[in-house]
C-alpha atoms as a PDB file:
ATOM      1  CA  MET A   1     -25.070-231.188  73.329  1.00  0.00           C
ATOM      2  CA  ASP A   2     -22.722-232.323  75.806  1.00  0.00           C
ATOM      3  CA  TYR A   3     -19.916-233.485  73.872  1.00  0.00           C
ATOM      4  CA  LEU A   4     -18.215-234.841  76.750  1.00  0.00           C
ATOM      5  CA  LEU A   5     -20.600-237.666  76.764  1.00  0.00           C
ATOM      6  CA  LEU A   6     -19.430-238.893  73.434  1.00  0.00           C
ATOM      7  CA  THR A   7     -16.929-241.660  73.902  1.00  0.00           C
ATOM      8  CA  GLU A   8     -13.624-242.462  71.996  1.00  0.00           C
ATOM      9  CA  GLN A   9     -15.269-245.257  70.173  1.00  0.00           C
ATOM     10  CA  GLN A  10     -18.420-242.833  68.876  1.00  0.00           C
ATOM     11  CA  LEU A  11     -15.896-240.491  67.741  1.00  0.00           C
ATOM     12  CA  GLN A  12     -13.444-243.202  66.023  1.00  0.00           C
ATOM     13  CA  LYS A  13     -16.445-245.324  64.295  1.00  0.00           C
ATOM     14  CA  ARG A  14     -17.442-241.289  62.489  1.00  0.00           C
ATOM     15  CA  PHE A  15     -13.866-240.567  61.506  1.00  0.00           C
ATOM     16  CA  ASP A  16     -13.632-244.637  60.183  1.00  0.00           C
ATOM     17  CA  LEU A  17     -16.824-243.580  57.934  1.00  0.00           C
ATOM     18  CA  LEU A  18     -14.988-240.446  56.478  1.00  0.00           C
ATOM     19  CA  PRO A  19     -13.708-240.069  53.010  1.00  0.00           C
ATOM     20  CA  ASP A  20      -9.902-239.895  52.969  1.00  0.00           C
ATOM     21  CA  ASN A  21      -9.787-236.215  51.843  1.00  0.00           C
ATOM     22  CA  LEU A  22     -11.835-235.305  54.734  1.00  0.00           C
ATOM     23  CA  LYS A  23      -9.671-237.648  56.991  1.00  0.00           C
ATOM     24  CA  GLU A  24      -6.598-235.323  55.721  1.00  0.00           C
ATOM     25  CA  ALA A  25      -8.380-232.336  56.352  1.00  0.00           C
ATOM     26  CA  ILE A  26      -9.437-232.673  60.129  1.00  0.00           C
ATOM     27  CA  SER A  27      -5.459-233.775  60.898  1.00  0.00           C
ATOM     28  CA  SER A  28      -4.083-231.019  58.484  1.00  0.00           C
ATOM     29  CA  GLU A  29      -1.520-228.935  60.306  1.00  0.00           C
ATOM     30  CA  ASN A  30      -2.072-226.733  57.488  1.00  0.00           C
ATOM     31  CA  ASN A  31      -5.837-226.480  58.418  1.00  0.00           C
ATOM     32  CA  ILE A  32      -5.254-226.213  62.019  1.00  0.00           C
ATOM     33  CA  GLU A  33      -3.025-223.027  61.719  1.00  0.00           C
ATOM     34  CA  ILE A  34      -5.249-221.196  59.426  1.00  0.00           C
ATOM     35  CA  ILE A  35      -8.138-221.928  61.873  1.00  0.00           C
ATOM     36  CA  ARG A  36      -5.667-220.626  64.753  1.00  0.00           C
ATOM     37  CA  ARG A  37      -4.886-217.717  62.708  1.00  0.00           C
ATOM     38  CA  ILE A  38      -8.463-217.187  62.063  1.00  0.00           C
ATOM     39  CA  CYS A  39      -9.246-216.967  65.396  1.00  0.00           C
ATOM     40  CA  ARG A  40      -6.509-214.578  66.267  1.00  0.00           C
ATOM     41  CA  ASP A  41      -7.546-212.331  63.713  1.00  0.00           C
ATOM     42  CA  HIS A  42     -10.861-212.385  65.721  1.00  0.00           C
ATOM     43  CA  HIS A  43      -8.965-211.724  69.293  1.00  0.00           C
ATOM     44  CA  LEU A  44      -9.413-215.189  70.412  1.00  0.00           C
ATOM     45  CA  VAL A  45      -5.894-215.940  71.404  1.00  0.00           C
ATOM     46  CA  ASP A  46      -6.805-217.914  74.694  1.00  0.00           C
ATOM     47  CA  GLU A  47      -5.227-221.430  74.154  1.00  0.00           C
ATOM     48  CA  GLU A  48      -8.669-223.131  75.729  1.00  0.00           C
ATOM     49  CA  LYS A  49     -10.740-221.110  73.857  1.00  0.00           C
ATOM     50  CA  LEU A  50      -8.586-221.859  70.481  1.00  0.00           C
ATOM     51  CA  LEU A  51      -8.684-225.933  71.284  1.00  0.00           C
ATOM     52  CA  ILE A  52     -12.787-225.529  71.696  1.00  0.00           C
ATOM     53  CA  ILE A  53     -13.157-223.994  68.037  1.00  0.00           C
ATOM     54  CA  GLU A  54     -10.415-226.958  66.666  1.00  0.00           C
ATOM     55  CA  GLN A  55     -12.933-229.385  68.530  1.00  0.00           C
ATOM     56  CA  LEU A  56     -16.024-228.027  67.045  1.00  0.00           C
ATOM     57  CA  ILE A  57     -14.832-227.894  63.595  1.00  0.00           C
ATOM     58  CA  GLY A  58     -13.609-231.730  64.355  1.00  0.00           C
ATOM     59  CA  LEU A  59     -17.312-232.386  65.359  1.00  0.00           C
ATOM     60  CA  ILE A  60     -18.515-230.772  62.600  1.00  0.00           C
ATOM     61  CA  PHE A  61     -16.577-233.033  60.051  1.00  0.00           C
ATOM     62  CA  LEU A  62     -17.617-235.979  62.003  1.00  0.00           C
ATOM     63  CA  GLY A  63     -21.418-234.884  61.944  1.00  0.00           C
ATOM     64  CA  PHE A  64     -22.306-234.308  65.410  1.00  0.00           C
ATOM     65  CA  VAL A  65     -22.577-230.450  64.919  1.00  0.00           C
ATOM     66  CA  SER A  66     -24.280-228.861  61.955  1.00  0.00           C
ATOM     67  CA  SER A  67     -22.862-226.035  60.416  1.00  0.00           C
ATOM     68  CA  VAL A  68     -26.008-224.170  61.082  1.00  0.00           C
ATOM     69  CA  GLU A  69     -25.456-224.884  64.877  1.00  0.00           C
ATOM     70  CA  PHE A  70     -21.541-224.111  64.584  1.00  0.00           C
ATOM     71  CA  SER A  71     -22.506-220.184  65.751  1.00  0.00           C
ATOM     72  CA  GLN A  72     -24.636-221.033  68.530  1.00  0.00           C
ATOM     73  CA  GLU A  73     -22.139-223.776  69.849  1.00  0.00           C
ATOM     74  CA  ILE A  74     -19.559-221.084  69.772  1.00  0.00           C
ATOM     75  CA  SER A  75     -21.451-218.629  71.823  1.00  0.00           C
ATOM     76  CA  GLU A  76     -22.667-221.077  74.147  1.00  0.00           C
ATOM     77  CA  ASN A  77     -18.920-222.891  74.799  1.00  0.00           C
ATOM     78  CA  LEU A  78     -16.787-219.857  74.669  1.00  0.00           C
ATOM     79  CA  TYR A  79     -19.705-217.880  76.648  1.00  0.00           C
ATOM     80  CA  LEU A  80     -19.952-214.701  74.163  1.00  0.00           C
ATOM     81  CA  ASN A  81     -22.473-212.956  73.602  1.00  0.00           C
END
């Protein structure tokens, strides 16, 4: 899926529909740091790649990417084998 085609309005609409606990989880600095730590532990230290991972996780929360598609999306977007 080409996520660049998603508009700010589409993202905001999905975000607004989320329960409060998921809204908090998406923007939690603690969760962002956990994601970054996991990436570093797996030798993903490039800032651009970290941002892609964070965005993909956000798209899972918003329902644009399923957890089943996540590994394929990581491979395709980070150019991993």
